[in-house]
C-alpha atoms as a PDB file:
ATOM      1  CA  UNK A   1       9.086 -21.971  55.015  1.00  0.00           C
ATOM      2  CA  UNK A   2      11.144 -20.275  52.398  1.00  0.00           C
ATOM      3  CA  UNK A   3      10.102 -16.982  50.892  1.00  0.00           C
ATOM      4  CA  UNK A   4       9.800 -18.590  47.452  1.00  0.00           C
ATOM      5  CA  UNK A   5       7.358 -21.209  48.746  1.00  0.00           C
ATOM      6  CA  UNK A   6       5.297 -18.523  50.439  1.00  0.00           C
ATOM      7  CA  UNK A   7       5.219 -16.474  47.238  1.00  0.00           C
ATOM      8  CA  UNK A   8       4.183 -19.466  45.136  1.00  0.00           C
ATOM      9  CA  UNK A   9       1.378 -20.416  47.533  1.00  0.00           C
ATOM     10  CA  UNK A  10       0.118 -16.831  47.684  1.00  0.00           C
ATOM     11  CA  UNK A  11       0.248 -16.525  43.900  1.00  0.00           C
ATOM     12  CA  UNK A  12      -1.627 -19.818  43.484  1.00  0.00           C
ATOM     13  CA  UNK A  13      -4.305 -18.715  45.951  1.00  0.00           C
ATOM     14  CA  UNK A  14      -4.773 -15.411  44.107  1.00  0.00           C
ATOM     15  CA  UNK A  15      -5.139 -17.297  40.824  1.00  0.00           C
ATOM     16  CA  UNK A  16      -7.593 -19.670  42.513  1.00  0.00           C
ATOM     17  CA  UNK A  17      -9.689 -16.711  43.711  1.00  0.00           C
ATOM     18  CA  UNK A  18      -9.876 -15.356  40.167  1.00  0.00           C
ATOM     19  CA  UNK A  19     -10.866 -18.773  38.798  1.00  0.00           C
ATOM     20  CA  UNK A  20     -13.550 -19.157  41.492  1.00  0.00           C
ATOM     21  CA  UNK A  21     -14.909 -15.674  40.734  1.00  0.00           C
ATOM     22  CA  UNK A  22     -15.024 -16.460  37.025  1.00  0.00           C
ATOM     23  CA  UNK A  23     -16.805 -19.758  37.598  1.00  0.00           C
ATOM     24  CA  UNK A  24     -19.303 -18.196  40.023  1.00  0.00           C
ATOM     25  CA  UNK A  25     -20.105 -15.497  37.464  1.00  0.00           C
ATOM     26  CA  UNK A  26     -20.771 -18.191  34.860  1.00  0.00           C
ATOM     27  CA  UNK A  27     -23.042 -20.017  37.320  1.00  0.00           C
ATOM     28  CA  UNK A  28     -24.933 -16.768  38.007  1.00  0.00           C
ATOM     29  CA  UNK A  29     -25.239 -15.991  34.302  1.00  0.00           C
ATOM     30  CA  UNK A  30     -26.834 -19.390  33.695  1.00  0.00           C
ATOM     31  CA  UNK A  31     -29.455 -18.487  36.291  1.00  0.00           C
ATOM     32  CA  UNK A  32     -28.581 -21.335  38.637  1.00  0.00           C
ATOM     33  CA  UNK A  33     -29.639 -20.721  42.220  1.00  0.00           C
ATOM     34  CA  UNK A  34     -27.156 -23.253  43.605  1.00  0.00           C
ATOM     35  CA  UNK A  35     -24.458 -25.689  42.556  1.00  0.00           C
ATOM     36  CA  UNK A  36     -23.139 -28.698  44.427  1.00  0.00           C
ATOM     37  CA  UNK A  37     -19.727 -28.205  45.967  1.00  0.00           C
ATOM     38  CA  UNK A  38     -18.458 -31.417  44.360  1.00  0.00           C
ATOM     39  CA  UNK A  39     -19.617 -30.278  40.912  1.00  0.00           C
ATOM     40  CA  UNK A  40     -17.963 -26.880  41.447  1.00  0.00           C
ATOM     41  CA  UNK A  41     -14.725 -28.609  42.501  1.00  0.00           C
ATOM     42  CA  UNK A  42     -14.765 -30.776  39.384  1.00  0.00           C
ATOM     43  CA  UNK A  43     -15.300 -27.727  37.157  1.00  0.00           C
ATOM     44  CA  UNK A  44     -12.357 -26.009  38.835  1.00  0.00           C
ATOM     45  CA  UNK A  45     -10.249 -29.145  38.423  1.00  0.00           C
ATOM     46  CA  UNK A  46     -10.909 -29.062  34.679  1.00  0.00           C
ATOM     47  CA  UNK A  47      -9.352 -25.584  34.705  1.00  0.00           C
ATOM     48  CA  UNK A  48      -6.287 -26.913  36.544  1.00  0.00           C
ATOM     49  CA  UNK A  49      -7.225 -25.962  40.103  1.00  0.00           C
ATOM     50  CA  UNK A  50      -7.396 -29.129  42.165  1.00  0.00           C
ATOM     51  CA  UNK A  51      -8.324 -28.060  45.686  1.00  0.00           C
ATOM     52  CA  UNK A  52      -9.586 -29.526  48.904  1.00  0.00           C
ATOM     53  CA  UNK A  53     -13.113 -28.764  49.990  1.00  0.00           C
ATOM     54  CA  UNK A  54     -11.826 -26.544  52.801  1.00  0.00           C
ATOM     55  CA  UNK A  55      -9.670 -24.533  50.372  1.00  0.00           C
ATOM     56  CA  UNK A  56     -12.627 -24.170  48.051  1.00  0.00           C
ATOM     57  CA  UNK A  57     -14.930 -22.982  50.833  1.00  0.00           C
ATOM     58  CA  UNK A  58     -12.337 -20.412  51.932  1.00  0.00           C
ATOM     59  CA  UNK A  59     -11.844 -19.202  48.351  1.00  0.00           C
ATOM     60  CA  UNK A  60     -15.588 -18.870  47.725  1.00  0.00           C
ATOM     61  CA  UNK A  61     -15.980 -16.939  50.982  1.00  0.00           C
ATOM     62  CA  UNK A  62     -13.105 -14.640  50.026  1.00  0.00           C
ATOM     63  CA  UNK A  63     -14.696 -13.760  46.683  1.00  0.00           C
ATOM     64  CA  UNK A  64     -17.880 -12.380  48.219  1.00  0.00           C
ATOM     65  CA  UNK A  65     -19.794 -13.755  45.216  1.00  0.00           C
ATOM     66  CA  UNK A  66     -21.805 -16.327  47.202  1.00  0.00           C
ATOM     67  CA  UNK A  67     -24.484 -15.954  49.846  1.00  0.00           C
ATOM     68  CA  UNK A  68     -23.595 -19.302  51.399  1.00  0.00           C
ATOM     69  CA  UNK A  69     -21.126 -22.109  50.920  1.00  0.00           C
ATOM     70  CA  UNK A  70     -20.727 -25.428  52.712  1.00  0.00           C
ATOM     71  CA  UNK A  71     -19.618 -28.976  51.967  1.00  0.00           C
ATOM     72  CA  UNK A  72     -22.883 -29.727  50.156  1.00  0.00           C
ATOM     73  CA  UNK A  73     -23.673 -26.700  47.985  1.00  0.00           C
ATOM     74  CA  UNK A  74     -22.700 -23.192  46.944  1.00  0.00           C
ATOM     75  CA  UNK A  75     -25.396 -20.546  46.610  1.00  0.00           C
ATOM     76  CA  UNK A  76     -24.200 -17.670  44.406  1.00  0.00           C
ATOM     77  CA  UNK A  77     -25.453 -14.157  44.981  1.00  0.00           C
ATOM     78  CA  UNK A  78     -28.270 -13.034  42.738  1.00  0.00           C
ATOM     79  CA  UNK A  79     -26.298 -10.039  41.500  1.00  0.00           C
ATOM     80  CA  UNK A  80     -22.686  -9.093  41.217  1.00  0.00           C
ATOM     81  CA  UNK A  81     -21.317  -6.579  43.713  1.00  0.00           C
ATOM     82  CA  UNK A  82     -21.486  -2.965  42.509  1.00  0.00           C
ATOM     83  CA  UNK A  83     -17.713  -2.685  42.330  1.00  0.00           C
ATOM     84  CA  UNK A  84     -17.638  -5.573  39.850  1.00  0.00           C
ATOM     85  CA  UNK A  85     -20.443  -4.176  37.703  1.00  0.00           C
ATOM     86  CA  UNK A  86     -18.733  -0.794  37.354  1.00  0.00           C
ATOM     87  CA  UNK A  87     -15.334  -2.108  36.419  1.00  0.00           C
ATOM     88  CA  UNK A  88     -13.654   1.249  36.028  1.00  0.00           C
ATOM     89  CA  UNK A  89     -10.116   1.434  37.318  1.00  0.00           C
ATOM     90  CA  UNK A  90      -9.778   2.980  40.750  1.00  0.00           C
ATOM     91  CA  UNK A  91      -6.685   4.846  39.572  1.00  0.00           C
ATOM     92  CA  UNK A  92      -6.482   7.129  36.545  1.00  0.00           C
ATOM     93  CA  UNK A  93      -3.294   5.757  35.007  1.00  0.00           C
ATOM     94  CA  UNK A  94      -3.114   8.415  32.311  1.00  0.00           C
ATOM     95  CA  UNK A  95      -3.324  11.184  34.888  1.00  0.00           C
ATOM     96  CA  UNK A  96      -0.652   9.512  37.024  1.00  0.00           C
ATOM     97  CA  UNK A  97       1.672   9.201  34.024  1.00  0.00           C
ATOM     98  CA  UNK A  98       1.142  12.855  33.113  1.00  0.00           C
ATOM     99  CA  UNK A  99       1.873  13.967  36.680  1.00  0.00           C
ATOM    100  CA  UNK A 100       5.029  11.859  36.806  1.00  0.00           C
ATOM    101  CA  UNK A 101       6.194  13.261  33.464  1.00  0.00           C
ATOM    102  CA  UNK A 102       5.703  16.835  34.714  1.00  0.00           C
ATOM    103  CA  UNK A 103       7.649  16.027  37.905  1.00  0.00           C
ATOM    104  CA  UNK A 104      10.490  14.573  35.828  1.00  0.00           C
ATOM    105  CA  UNK A 105      10.574  17.611  33.541  1.00  0.00           C
ATOM    106  CA  UNK A 106      10.622  20.003  36.501  1.00  0.00           C
ATOM    107  CA  UNK A 107      13.385  17.974  38.159  1.00  0.00           C
ATOM    108  CA  UNK A 108      15.522  18.246  35.010  1.00  0.00           C
ATOM    109  CA  UNK A 109      15.168  22.031  34.933  1.00  0.00           C
END
């Protein structure tokens, strides 16, 4: 397999994970306790993500947003994980930029 093909597949899978997370959040927000796997697949397909059932199950498992998933139904978690609720960046970008600027200034002196 060429590096390009590997990159494209990895990029597609990452995009699929984001789409699955988004759709699971919408399902949770509507208060649904479960959704059929076929219905979930069709909703993803409308967004441009045509997947096999096995790919979908793997993606849902990787999100951590569901308590169970199988070929019949997906049961979303009742609440979002804490790290999703407190969506503050893990890295202080402004602080990093300031530190890098000071390093660059000191290097020029």
